[in-house]
Amino acid sequence: MKLTHLSNMKIVISRLQAVSGTADRLALSTVTAAYGHLQPVAREKIQLVEGIPGKTYYIFVDGDIDIKENDQLKDEDGNIYTVKRGGVTKWMHGAMDYQEILIIQK
């Protein structure tokens, strides 16, 4: 079974990359799109992850999706999220490999 069977939204993943021909400019570049399952972080855990109530979420995606710290995610509704530093955790449970990603809504 793949995690996409449990997904509840499509996200577009963007990453800051150097602009060709310049040494000091960065721009967001779309890396990929993926399906994931978005869940709000429980209120009692928000202080542990130094989050903001109502804007801190976990998104679960397949283990082979390339997501890194500080990437930006945009969902189908136009909401933009940023991957928190240290927020990418990979899990392996038998036949289902997935990533748990801590994100903050902008």
N, C-alpha and C. Protein backbone atom coordinates (compact mmCIF):
# COMPACT_ATOMS: atom_id res chain seq x y z
N MET A 1 0.84 -1.18 0.00
CA MET A 1 0.00 0.00 0.00
C MET A 1 0.88 1.24 0.00
N LYS A 2 0.50 2.21 -0.78
CA LYS A 2 1.25 3.47 -0.84
C LYS A 2 0.53 4.52 -0.01
N LEU A 3 1.28 5.49 0.45
CA LEU A 3 0.70 6.55 1.26
C LEU A 3 -0.28 7.40 0.45
N THR A 4 -0.14 7.43 -0.87
CA THR A 4 -1.03 8.25 -1.69
C THR A 4 -2.48 7.79 -1.58
N HIS A 5 -2.71 6.55 -1.12
CA HIS A 5 -4.08 6.08 -0.91
C HIS A 5 -4.75 6.84 0.23
N LEU A 6 -3.96 7.41 1.13
CA LEU A 6 -4.47 8.13 2.29
C LEU A 6 -4.38 9.65 2.13
N SER A 7 -3.92 10.11 0.99
CA SER A 7 -3.67 11.55 0.81
C SER A 7 -4.97 12.34 0.74
N ASN A 8 -4.89 13.59 1.21
CA ASN A 8 -6.06 14.46 1.16
C ASN A 8 -5.78 15.77 0.43
N MET A 9 -4.58 15.92 -0.15
CA MET A 9 -4.31 17.12 -0.94
C MET A 9 -3.08 16.97 -1.82
N LYS A 10 -3.06 17.78 -2.86
CA LYS A 10 -1.91 17.83 -3.77
C LYS A 10 -1.10 19.06 -3.40
N ILE A 11 0.22 18.92 -3.39
CA ILE A 11 1.11 20.04 -3.06
C ILE A 11 2.14 20.21 -4.16
N VAL A 12 2.59 21.44 -4.32
CA VAL A 12 3.69 21.76 -5.23
C VAL A 12 4.87 22.18 -4.36
N ILE A 13 6.03 21.57 -4.59
CA ILE A 13 7.21 21.81 -3.77
C ILE A 13 8.15 22.72 -4.53
N SER A 14 8.55 23.83 -3.88
CA SER A 14 9.48 24.80 -4.48
C SER A 14 10.69 24.96 -3.58
N ARG A 15 11.83 25.26 -4.20
CA ARG A 15 13.09 25.39 -3.47
C ARG A 15 13.86 26.60 -3.98
N LEU A 16 14.54 27.30 -3.06
CA LEU A 16 15.39 28.42 -3.46
C LEU A 16 16.61 27.89 -4.20
N GLN A 17 16.86 28.44 -5.38
CA GLN A 17 18.00 28.02 -6.18
C GLN A 17 18.67 29.25 -6.77
N ALA A 18 19.95 29.12 -7.08
CA ALA A 18 20.71 30.23 -7.66
C ALA A 18 20.18 30.55 -9.05
N VAL A 19 20.12 31.85 -9.36
CA VAL A 19 19.70 32.31 -10.69
C VAL A 19 20.90 32.21 -11.62
N SER A 20 20.70 31.62 -12.77
CA SER A 20 21.78 31.43 -13.74
C SER A 20 22.37 32.77 -14.16
N GLY A 21 23.68 32.86 -14.18
CA GLY A 21 24.37 34.05 -14.62
C GLY A 21 24.62 35.07 -13.53
N THR A 22 24.17 34.80 -12.30
CA THR A 22 24.43 35.71 -11.19
C THR A 22 25.05 34.93 -10.04
N ALA A 23 25.75 35.64 -9.19
CA ALA A 23 26.39 34.98 -8.06
C ALA A 23 25.64 35.19 -6.76
N ASP A 24 24.75 36.17 -6.73
CA ASP A 24 24.13 36.52 -5.45
C ASP A 24 22.60 36.55 -5.47
N ARG A 25 21.96 36.04 -6.51
CA ARG A 25 20.51 36.05 -6.57
C ARG A 25 19.94 34.64 -6.45
N LEU A 26 18.88 34.52 -5.66
CA LEU A 26 18.17 33.27 -5.51
C LEU A 26 16.72 33.46 -5.91
N ALA A 27 16.12 32.43 -6.45
CA ALA A 27 14.71 32.47 -6.81
C ALA A 27 14.09 31.11 -6.52
N LEU A 28 12.77 31.11 -6.26
CA LEU A 28 12.08 29.85 -6.03
C LEU A 28 11.89 29.12 -7.36
N SER A 29 12.18 27.85 -7.33
CA SER A 29 12.03 27.00 -8.51
C SER A 29 11.21 25.79 -8.12
N THR A 30 10.21 25.43 -8.93
CA THR A 30 9.39 24.27 -8.64
C THR A 30 10.21 23.00 -8.80
N VAL A 31 10.19 22.16 -7.78
CA VAL A 31 10.94 20.92 -7.79
C VAL A 31 10.06 19.78 -8.28
N THR A 32 8.88 19.63 -7.67
CA THR A 32 7.97 18.55 -8.02
C THR A 32 6.60 18.81 -7.41
N ALA A 33 5.66 17.98 -7.77
CA ALA A 33 4.33 17.98 -7.16
C ALA A 33 4.12 16.60 -6.54
N ALA A 34 3.35 16.54 -5.49
CA ALA A 34 3.13 15.28 -4.79
C ALA A 34 1.77 15.30 -4.10
N TYR A 35 1.33 14.14 -3.70
CA TYR A 35 0.12 14.02 -2.89
C TYR A 35 0.54 13.74 -1.46
N GLY A 36 -0.17 14.33 -0.51
CA GLY A 36 0.16 14.14 0.89
C GLY A 36 -1.07 14.20 1.76
N HIS A 37 -0.87 13.90 3.03
CA HIS A 37 -1.95 13.94 4.02
C HIS A 37 -1.59 15.00 5.04
N LEU A 38 -2.39 16.06 5.12
CA LEU A 38 -2.13 17.21 6.01
C LEU A 38 -2.91 17.05 7.30
N GLN A 39 -2.23 17.25 8.43
CA GLN A 39 -2.87 17.20 9.75
C GLN A 39 -2.34 18.32 10.61
N PRO A 40 -3.22 19.01 11.35
CA PRO A 40 -2.72 20.03 12.28
C PRO A 40 -1.99 19.37 13.45
N VAL A 41 -1.00 20.07 13.97
CA VAL A 41 -0.28 19.58 15.15
C VAL A 41 -1.16 19.83 16.37
N ALA A 42 -1.22 18.87 17.27
CA ALA A 42 -2.04 18.99 18.47
C ALA A 42 -1.59 20.20 19.30
N ARG A 43 -2.54 20.89 19.90
CA ARG A 43 -2.24 22.11 20.65
C ARG A 43 -1.18 21.90 21.73
N GLU A 44 -1.21 20.76 22.42
CA GLU A 44 -0.24 20.54 23.50
C GLU A 44 1.16 20.28 22.97
N LYS A 45 1.32 19.95 21.69
CA LYS A 45 2.64 19.69 21.12
C LYS A 45 3.23 20.92 20.42
N ILE A 46 2.43 21.94 20.20
CA ILE A 46 2.90 23.11 19.46
C ILE A 46 4.06 23.80 20.16
N GLN A 47 4.00 23.92 21.48
CA GLN A 47 5.09 24.57 22.21
C GLN A 47 6.38 23.75 22.14
N LEU A 48 6.26 22.42 22.07
CA LEU A 48 7.46 21.58 21.97
C LEU A 48 8.19 21.79 20.66
N VAL A 49 7.46 22.07 19.57
CA VAL A 49 8.09 22.28 18.27
C VAL A 49 8.26 23.76 17.97
N GLU A 50 7.98 24.61 18.98
CA GLU A 50 8.10 26.06 18.84
C GLU A 50 7.28 26.58 17.66
N GLY A 51 6.06 26.10 17.58
CA GLY A 51 5.18 26.48 16.48
C GLY A 51 4.20 27.57 16.86
N ILE A 52 3.34 27.89 15.90
CA ILE A 52 2.32 28.91 16.08
C ILE A 52 0.97 28.23 16.07
N PRO A 53 0.14 28.41 17.11
CA PRO A 53 -1.17 27.76 17.14
C PRO A 53 -1.99 28.09 15.90
N GLY A 54 -2.56 27.06 15.29
CA GLY A 54 -3.40 27.24 14.11
C GLY A 54 -2.64 27.32 12.81
N LYS A 55 -1.32 27.36 12.85
CA LYS A 55 -0.52 27.47 11.62
C LYS A 55 0.56 26.41 11.51
N THR A 56 0.60 25.49 12.46
CA THR A 56 1.61 24.44 12.46
C THR A 56 0.96 23.11 12.09
N TYR A 57 1.54 22.43 11.09
CA TYR A 57 0.95 21.20 10.57
C TYR A 57 2.03 20.15 10.34
N TYR A 58 1.58 18.91 10.26
CA TYR A 58 2.38 17.82 9.73
C TYR A 58 1.80 17.46 8.38
N ILE A 59 2.65 17.17 7.41
CA ILE A 59 2.20 16.60 6.16
C ILE A 59 2.97 15.32 5.96
N PHE A 60 2.27 14.28 5.58
CA PHE A 60 2.86 12.97 5.37
C PHE A 60 2.88 12.70 3.87
N VAL A 61 4.06 12.38 3.34
CA VAL A 61 4.24 12.09 1.90
C VAL A 61 5.06 10.81 1.76
N ASP A 62 5.05 10.26 0.54
CA ASP A 62 5.85 9.06 0.27
C ASP A 62 7.32 9.30 0.57
N GLY A 63 8.02 8.24 0.91
CA GLY A 63 9.43 8.34 1.28
C GLY A 63 10.37 8.73 0.16
N ASP A 64 9.94 8.57 -1.09
CA ASP A 64 10.83 8.89 -2.20
C ASP A 64 10.66 10.31 -2.74
N ILE A 65 9.83 11.13 -2.12
CA ILE A 65 9.65 12.52 -2.53
C ILE A 65 10.80 13.35 -1.97
N ASP A 66 11.39 14.23 -2.80
CA ASP A 66 12.53 15.05 -2.40
C ASP A 66 12.03 16.33 -1.74
N ILE A 67 12.04 16.36 -0.41
CA ILE A 67 11.67 17.55 0.36
C ILE A 67 12.79 17.83 1.34
N LYS A 68 13.21 19.09 1.42
CA LYS A 68 14.29 19.49 2.31
C LYS A 68 13.84 20.65 3.19
N GLU A 69 14.65 20.94 4.21
CA GLU A 69 14.38 22.08 5.09
C GLU A 69 14.29 23.36 4.27
N ASN A 70 13.41 24.25 4.67
CA ASN A 70 13.18 25.57 4.06
C ASN A 70 12.52 25.52 2.69
N ASP A 71 12.12 24.35 2.20
CA ASP A 71 11.33 24.29 0.97
C ASP A 71 9.97 24.92 1.22
N GLN A 72 9.35 25.41 0.16
CA GLN A 72 8.00 25.95 0.27
C GLN A 72 7.04 25.00 -0.40
N LEU A 73 5.90 24.78 0.25
CA LEU A 73 4.85 23.93 -0.29
C LEU A 73 3.62 24.79 -0.53
N LYS A 74 2.97 24.57 -1.66
CA LYS A 74 1.74 25.29 -1.98
C LYS A 74 0.66 24.25 -2.23
N ASP A 75 -0.48 24.37 -1.53
CA ASP A 75 -1.54 23.40 -1.70
C ASP A 75 -2.55 23.85 -2.75
N GLU A 76 -3.57 23.02 -2.97
CA GLU A 76 -4.57 23.29 -3.99
C GLU A 76 -5.38 24.56 -3.71
N ASP A 77 -5.47 24.95 -2.44
CA ASP A 77 -6.23 26.14 -2.06
C ASP A 77 -5.41 27.42 -2.12
N GLY A 78 -4.13 27.31 -2.47
CA GLY A 78 -3.26 28.47 -2.56
C GLY A 78 -2.54 28.81 -1.27
N ASN A 79 -2.71 28.01 -0.23
CA ASN A 79 -1.98 28.23 1.02
C ASN A 79 -0.52 27.87 0.83
N ILE A 80 0.36 28.67 1.44
CA ILE A 80 1.81 28.44 1.33
C ILE A 80 2.35 28.06 2.69
N TYR A 81 3.17 27.02 2.71
CA TYR A 81 3.79 26.51 3.92
C TYR A 81 5.30 26.47 3.73
N THR A 82 6.04 26.56 4.84
CA THR A 82 7.49 26.43 4.81
C THR A 82 7.89 25.25 5.68
N VAL A 83 8.80 24.43 5.18
CA VAL A 83 9.30 23.29 5.94
C VAL A 83 10.22 23.82 7.04
N LYS A 84 9.91 23.46 8.27
CA LYS A 84 10.67 23.93 9.42
C LYS A 84 12.04 23.24 9.49
N ARG A 85 13.03 23.95 9.99
CA ARG A 85 14.37 23.38 10.14
C ARG A 85 14.30 22.16 11.06
N GLY A 86 14.86 21.06 10.61
CA GLY A 86 14.83 19.81 11.37
C GLY A 86 13.46 19.14 11.32
N GLY A 87 12.61 19.56 10.40
CA GLY A 87 11.24 19.08 10.35
C GLY A 87 10.99 17.90 9.44
N VAL A 88 12.02 17.35 8.80
CA VAL A 88 11.82 16.22 7.89
C VAL A 88 12.27 14.95 8.59
N THR A 89 11.33 14.02 8.79
CA THR A 89 11.62 12.75 9.44
C THR A 89 11.17 11.62 8.52
N LYS A 90 12.06 10.70 8.22
CA LYS A 90 11.72 9.55 7.36
C LYS A 90 11.40 8.35 8.23
N TRP A 91 10.33 7.64 7.88
CA TRP A 91 9.90 6.46 8.62
C TRP A 91 9.80 5.28 7.67
N MET A 92 10.12 4.10 8.19
CA MET A 92 9.96 2.86 7.44
C MET A 92 9.17 1.88 8.30
N HIS A 93 8.00 1.53 7.82
CA HIS A 93 7.14 0.59 8.53
C HIS A 93 6.73 -0.50 7.55
N GLY A 94 7.53 -1.54 7.45
CA GLY A 94 7.23 -2.65 6.56
C GLY A 94 7.16 -2.21 5.12
N ALA A 95 5.99 -2.34 4.52
CA ALA A 95 5.83 -2.03 3.10
C ALA A 95 5.55 -0.56 2.85
N MET A 96 5.39 0.25 3.90
CA MET A 96 5.04 1.66 3.72
C MET A 96 6.16 2.56 4.25
N ASP A 97 6.93 3.15 3.34
CA ASP A 97 7.94 4.14 3.69
C ASP A 97 7.32 5.51 3.48
N TYR A 98 7.47 6.39 4.46
CA TYR A 98 6.90 7.72 4.32
C TYR A 98 7.74 8.74 5.07
N GLN A 99 7.44 10.01 4.82
CA GLN A 99 8.12 11.11 5.50
C GLN A 99 7.08 11.91 6.28
N GLU A 100 7.46 12.31 7.47
CA GLU A 100 6.64 13.18 8.31
C GLU A 100 7.33 14.53 8.29
N ILE A 101 6.64 15.56 7.78
CA ILE A 101 7.26 16.86 7.59
C ILE A 101 6.51 17.91 8.40
N LEU A 102 7.25 18.63 9.22
CA LEU A 102 6.69 19.70 10.03
C LEU A 102 6.71 20.99 9.21
N ILE A 103 5.54 21.60 9.04
CA ILE A 103 5.44 22.81 8.21
C ILE A 103 4.70 23.91 8.96
N ILE A 104 5.01 25.17 8.60
CA ILE A 104 4.37 26.34 9.17
C ILE A 104 3.68 27.09 8.03
N GLN A 105 2.40 27.41 8.23
CA GLN A 105 1.67 28.16 7.20
C GLN A 105 2.05 29.62 7.28
N LYS A 106 2.24 30.24 6.11
CA LYS A 106 2.59 31.67 6.05
C LYS A 106 1.36 32.51 6.14
